[in-house]
Amino acid sequence: MRKLISSIIAIVSVIVTLQVSAGEAEQTFNPQQFAKDYFAAWAATQSPKATKKSLEHYLSFLADNVGHQHYPYDPDDTRHDDGKKKMLKGMTYYLGAHTKYSSKLLDVTYDFNVVVIKYESSIKAVHPQTGETIERTSTTLEVLELENGKVALIRKYSE
């Protein structure tokens, strides 16, 4: 009987410890800092000096099955098991296309499991397929849906 009681006490202790640890992890999430770190990682991928390492750092913020939607260009938000790999492939294709890039984080909003960032960016680029020079300044709103501390879905809206 003592062994049974000791076992029950041990199990309850483990459960309480796990619940407290989970609660602390939730309480330590800082959406402002997450947004700043995410944005800095994203901006680094757009730099003329971006490297594959820059892409990998940005992708470390994302779930493996991340979905990506960019209105009005890509309205599909389907999540695929290889979503992160698909993003790496697409981003690698455009790596080094920008000859100039600047951006500024304008606003951050957070609630529930969503972080919303708004930023302005200016680019000058040469399209890797057409060779066309592209130059634009735009404001973008990104809605980042989070799961387990990672971005599971990106909904991007821009002018």
C-alpha atoms as a PDB file:
ATOM      1  CA  MET A   1       0.000   0.000   0.000  1.00  0.00           C
ATOM      2  CA  ARG A   2       2.863   2.394   0.792  1.00  0.00           C
ATOM      3  CA  LYS A   3       4.396   1.703  -2.629  1.00  0.00           C
ATOM      4  CA  LEU A   4       1.069   2.445  -4.292  1.00  0.00           C
ATOM      5  CA  ILE A   5       0.674   5.715  -2.387  1.00  0.00           C
ATOM      6  CA  SER A   6       4.298   6.655  -3.152  1.00  0.00           C
ATOM      7  CA  SER A   7       3.720   5.913  -6.846  1.00  0.00           C
ATOM      8  CA  ILE A   8       0.533   8.001  -6.923  1.00  0.00           C
ATOM      9  CA  ILE A   9       2.319  10.894  -5.194  1.00  0.00           C
ATOM     10  CA  ALA A  10       5.187  10.648  -7.691  1.00  0.00           C
ATOM     11  CA  ILE A  11       2.793  10.658 -10.661  1.00  0.00           C
ATOM     12  CA  VAL A  12       0.845  13.620  -9.282  1.00  0.00           C
ATOM     13  CA  SER A  13       4.121  15.484  -8.692  1.00  0.00           C
ATOM     14  CA  VAL A  14       5.198  14.917 -12.288  1.00  0.00           C
ATOM     15  CA  ILE A  15       1.816  16.087 -13.626  1.00  0.00           C
ATOM     16  CA  VAL A  16       1.885  19.224 -11.473  1.00  0.00           C
ATOM     17  CA  THR A  17       5.465  19.964 -12.548  1.00  0.00           C
ATOM     18  CA  LEU A  18       4.523  19.580 -16.226  1.00  0.00           C
ATOM     19  CA  GLN A  19       1.478  21.825 -15.833  1.00  0.00           C
ATOM     20  CA  VAL A  20       3.514  24.498 -14.062  1.00  0.00           C
ATOM     21  CA  SER A  21       6.237  24.291 -16.738  1.00  0.00           C
ATOM     22  CA  ALA A  22       3.643  24.576 -19.505  1.00  0.00           C
ATOM     23  CA  GLY A  23       2.051  27.553 -17.770  1.00  0.00           C
ATOM     24  CA  GLU A  24       5.429  29.261 -17.391  1.00  0.00           C
ATOM     25  CA  ALA A  25       6.211  28.665 -21.069  1.00  0.00           C
ATOM     26  CA  GLU A  26       2.917  30.313 -22.038  1.00  0.00           C
ATOM     27  CA  GLN A  27       3.557  33.229 -19.705  1.00  0.00           C
ATOM     28  CA  THR A  28       7.073  33.834 -21.037  1.00  0.00           C
ATOM     29  CA  PHE A  29       5.941  34.249 -24.660  1.00  0.00           C
ATOM     30  CA  ASN A  30       6.617  37.824 -25.621  1.00  0.00           C
ATOM     31  CA  PRO A  31       4.684  38.657 -28.803  1.00  0.00           C
ATOM     32  CA  GLN A  32       6.496  41.975 -29.297  1.00  0.00           C
ATOM     33  CA  GLN A  33       9.903  40.274 -29.182  1.00  0.00           C
ATOM     34  CA  PHE A  34       8.697  37.372 -31.330  1.00  0.00           C
ATOM     35  CA  ALA A  35       7.438  39.848 -33.938  1.00  0.00           C
ATOM     36  CA  LYS A  36      10.709  41.800 -33.931  1.00  0.00           C
ATOM     37  CA  ASP A  37      12.797  38.618 -34.240  1.00  0.00           C
ATOM     38  CA  TYR A  38      10.562  37.173 -36.956  1.00  0.00           C
ATOM     39  CA  PHE A  39      10.588  40.435 -38.900  1.00  0.00           C
ATOM     40  CA  ALA A  40      14.373  40.807 -38.626  1.00  0.00           C
ATOM     41  CA  ALA A  41      14.802  37.239 -39.907  1.00  0.00           C
ATOM     42  CA  TRP A  42      12.396  37.927 -42.792  1.00  0.00           C
ATOM     43  CA  ALA A  43      14.107  41.199 -43.707  1.00  0.00           C
ATOM     44  CA  ALA A  44      17.489  39.442 -43.770  1.00  0.00           C
ATOM     45  CA  THR A  45      16.159  37.068 -46.463  1.00  0.00           C
ATOM     46  CA  GLN A  46      15.288  40.057 -48.658  1.00  0.00           C
ATOM     47  CA  SER A  47      18.673  41.744 -48.384  1.00  0.00           C
ATOM     48  CA  PRO A  48      20.931  41.806 -51.455  1.00  0.00           C
ATOM     49  CA  LYS A  49      23.466  40.041 -49.192  1.00  0.00           C
ATOM     50  CA  ALA A  50      21.010  37.283 -48.156  1.00  0.00           C
ATOM     51  CA  THR A  51      22.412  33.769 -47.987  1.00  0.00           C
ATOM     52  CA  LYS A  52      20.954  30.302 -47.687  1.00  0.00           C
ATOM     53  CA  LYS A  53      21.803  30.595 -43.979  1.00  0.00           C
ATOM     54  CA  SER A  54      19.543  33.690 -43.817  1.00  0.00           C
ATOM     55  CA  LEU A  55      16.723  31.636 -45.341  1.00  0.00           C
ATOM     56  CA  GLU A  56      17.273  28.789 -42.892  1.00  0.00           C
ATOM     57  CA  HIS A  57      17.195  31.187 -39.933  1.00  0.00           C
ATOM     58  CA  TYR A  58      13.894  32.664 -41.116  1.00  0.00           C
ATOM     59  CA  LEU A  59      12.455  29.199 -41.717  1.00  0.00           C
ATOM     60  CA  SER A  60      13.352  28.211 -38.136  1.00  0.00           C
ATOM     61  CA  PHE A  61      10.359  30.336 -37.058  1.00  0.00           C
ATOM     62  CA  LEU A  62       7.990  28.181 -39.151  1.00  0.00           C
ATOM     63  CA  ALA A  63       6.274  24.845 -38.603  1.00  0.00           C
ATOM     64  CA  ASP A  64       7.281  22.113 -41.042  1.00  0.00           C
ATOM     65  CA  ASN A  65       3.768  22.078 -42.500  1.00  0.00           C
ATOM     66  CA  VAL A  66       3.426  25.848 -42.730  1.00  0.00           C
ATOM     67  CA  GLY A  67       0.819  27.286 -45.040  1.00  0.00           C
ATOM     68  CA  HIS A  68       1.431  30.532 -46.921  1.00  0.00           C
ATOM     69  CA  GLN A  69      -1.148  32.782 -48.515  1.00  0.00           C
ATOM     70  CA  HIS A  70      -0.356  36.096 -50.224  1.00  0.00           C
ATOM     71  CA  TYR A  71      -3.288  38.135 -51.439  1.00  0.00           C
ATOM     72  CA  PRO A  72      -3.930  38.895 -54.228  1.00  0.00           C
ATOM     73  CA  TYR A  73      -1.181  36.744 -55.769  1.00  0.00           C
ATOM     74  CA  ASP A  74      -1.733  33.419 -54.033  1.00  0.00           C
ATOM     75  CA  PRO A  75      -5.125  32.892 -52.357  1.00  0.00           C
ATOM     76  CA  ASP A  76      -4.461  29.245 -51.348  1.00  0.00           C
ATOM     77  CA  ASP A  77      -3.683  28.754 -47.638  1.00  0.00           C
ATOM     78  CA  THR A  78      -3.410  24.954 -47.722  1.00  0.00           C
ATOM     79  CA  ARG A  79      -0.922  23.481 -45.294  1.00  0.00           C
ATOM     80  CA  HIS A  80       1.220  20.657 -46.644  1.00  0.00           C
ATOM     81  CA  ASP A  81       3.542  18.318 -44.763  1.00  0.00           C
ATOM     82  CA  ASP A  82       6.441  19.764 -46.771  1.00  0.00           C
ATOM     83  CA  GLY A  83       5.314  23.397 -46.566  1.00  0.00           C
ATOM     84  CA  LYS A  84       8.619  24.613 -45.160  1.00  0.00           C
ATOM     85  CA  LYS A  85      10.581  22.762 -47.850  1.00  0.00           C
ATOM     86  CA  LYS A  86       8.389  24.334 -50.539  1.00  0.00           C
ATOM     87  CA  MET A  87       9.016  27.780 -49.082  1.00  0.00           C
ATOM     88  CA  LEU A  88      12.773  27.135 -49.038  1.00  0.00           C
ATOM     89  CA  LYS A  89      12.648  26.127 -52.707  1.00  0.00           C
ATOM     90  CA  GLY A  90      10.693  29.261 -53.685  1.00  0.00           C
ATOM     91  CA  MET A  91      12.832  31.580 -51.580  1.00  0.00           C
ATOM     92  CA  THR A  92      16.046  30.037 -52.925  1.00  0.00           C
ATOM     93  CA  TYR A  93      14.857  30.758 -56.483  1.00  0.00           C
ATOM     94  CA  TYR A  94      14.610  34.484 -55.660  1.00  0.00           C
ATOM     95  CA  LEU A  95      17.710  34.577 -53.433  1.00  0.00           C
ATOM     96  CA  GLY A  96      19.949  37.438 -54.500  1.00  0.00           C
ATOM     97  CA  ALA A  97      17.369  38.985 -56.839  1.00  0.00           C
ATOM     98  CA  HIS A  98      17.171  42.187 -54.797  1.00  0.00           C
ATOM     99  CA  THR A  99      19.750  44.839 -55.550  1.00  0.00           C
ATOM    100  CA  LYS A 100      18.307  47.181 -52.892  1.00  0.00           C
ATOM    101  CA  TYR A 101      16.044  46.475 -49.937  1.00  0.00           C
ATOM    102  CA  SER A 102      14.897  48.427 -46.924  1.00  0.00           C
ATOM    103  CA  SER A 103      12.057  47.843 -44.511  1.00  0.00           C
ATOM    104  CA  LYS A 104      10.572  49.154 -41.315  1.00  0.00           C
ATOM    105  CA  LEU A 105       8.314  47.388 -38.816  1.00  0.00           C
ATOM    106  CA  LEU A 106       5.343  49.720 -38.285  1.00  0.00           C
ATOM    107  CA  ASP A 107       3.028  47.877 -35.899  1.00  0.00           C
ATOM    108  CA  VAL A 108       2.576  44.658 -33.919  1.00  0.00           C
ATOM    109  CA  THR A 109      -0.684  43.256 -32.572  1.00  0.00           C
ATOM    110  CA  TYR A 110      -1.163  40.015 -30.655  1.00  0.00           C
ATOM    111  CA  ASP A 111      -4.124  38.042 -29.369  1.00  0.00           C
ATOM    112  CA  PHE A 112      -4.836  34.372 -28.758  1.00  0.00           C
ATOM    113  CA  ASN A 113      -2.529  32.432 -31.102  1.00  0.00           C
ATOM    114  CA  VAL A 114      -2.041  35.207 -33.667  1.00  0.00           C
ATOM    115  CA  VAL A 115       0.665  37.822 -34.152  1.00  0.00           C
ATOM    116  CA  VAL A 116      -0.031  40.526 -36.725  1.00  0.00           C
ATOM    117  CA  ILE A 117       2.807  42.614 -38.102  1.00  0.00           C
ATOM    118  CA  LYS A 118       2.587  45.596 -40.414  1.00  0.00           C
ATOM    119  CA  TYR A 119       5.648  46.815 -42.253  1.00  0.00           C
ATOM    120  CA  GLU A 120       6.742  48.998 -45.116  1.00  0.00           C
ATOM    121  CA  SER A 121       9.370  47.838 -47.556  1.00  0.00           C
ATOM    122  CA  SER A 122      11.132  49.189 -50.615  1.00  0.00           C
ATOM    123  CA  ILE A 123      12.787  46.960 -53.154  1.00  0.00           C
ATOM    124  CA  LYS A 124      14.725  47.129 -56.345  1.00  0.00           C
ATOM    125  CA  ALA A 125      15.229  43.736 -57.948  1.00  0.00           C
ATOM    126  CA  VAL A 126      15.980  41.897 -61.137  1.00  0.00           C
ATOM    127  CA  HIS A 127      13.520  39.058 -61.770  1.00  0.00           C
ATOM    128  CA  PRO A 128      15.569  35.839 -62.070  1.00  0.00           C
ATOM    129  CA  GLN A 129      13.505  34.493 -64.961  1.00  0.00           C
ATOM    130  CA  THR A 130      12.612  37.545 -67.056  1.00  0.00           C
ATOM    131  CA  GLY A 131      15.537  39.824 -66.202  1.00  0.00           C
ATOM    132  CA  GLU A 132      12.985  42.601 -65.696  1.00  0.00           C
ATOM    133  CA  THR A 133      13.907  45.318 -63.200  1.00  0.00           C
ATOM    134  CA  ILE A 134      11.275  45.703 -60.487  1.00  0.00           C
ATOM    135  CA  GLU A 135      11.096  48.686 -58.179  1.00  0.00           C
ATOM    136  CA  ARG A 136       8.376  49.295 -55.596  1.00  0.00           C
ATOM    137  CA  THR A 137       7.485  50.461 -52.129  1.00  0.00           C
ATOM    138  CA  SER A 138       4.596  48.787 -50.358  1.00  0.00           C
ATOM    139  CA  THR A 139       2.950  48.279 -47.026  1.00  0.00           C
ATOM    140  CA  THR A 140       2.315  44.684 -45.983  1.00  0.00           C
ATOM    141  CA  LEU A 141       0.212  43.174 -43.238  1.00  0.00           C
ATOM    142  CA  GLU A 142       1.136  39.639 -42.148  1.00  0.00           C
ATOM    143  CA  VAL A 143      -1.161  37.575 -39.981  1.00  0.00           C
ATOM    144  CA  LEU A 144       0.908  34.839 -38.351  1.00  0.00           C
ATOM    145  CA  GLU A 145      -1.078  31.976 -36.857  1.00  0.00           C
ATOM    146  CA  LEU A 146       0.986  30.158 -34.229  1.00  0.00           C
ATOM    147  CA  GLU A 147       1.038  26.538 -33.045  1.00  0.00           C
ATOM    148  CA  ASN A 148       3.497  25.259 -30.470  1.00  0.00           C
ATOM    149  CA  GLY A 149       5.600  28.415 -30.708  1.00  0.00           C
ATOM    150  CA  LYS A 150       5.997  28.195 -34.501  1.00  0.00           C
ATOM    151  CA  VAL A 151       4.275  30.006 -37.358  1.00  0.00           C
ATOM    152  CA  ALA A 152       1.798  27.522 -38.800  1.00  0.00           C
ATOM    153  CA  LEU A 153       0.076  29.803 -41.297  1.00  0.00           C
ATOM    154  CA  ILE A 154       1.120  33.075 -42.900  1.00  0.00           C
ATOM    155  CA  ARG A 155      -1.544  35.270 -44.436  1.00  0.00           C
ATOM    156  CA  LYS A 156       0.080  38.159 -46.250  1.00  0.00           C
ATOM    157  CA  TYR A 157      -1.817  41.202 -47.517  1.00  0.00           C
ATOM    158  CA  SER A 158      -0.174  43.976 -49.523  1.00  0.00           C
ATOM    159  CA  GLU A 159      -0.993  46.806 -51.862  1.00  0.00           C
END
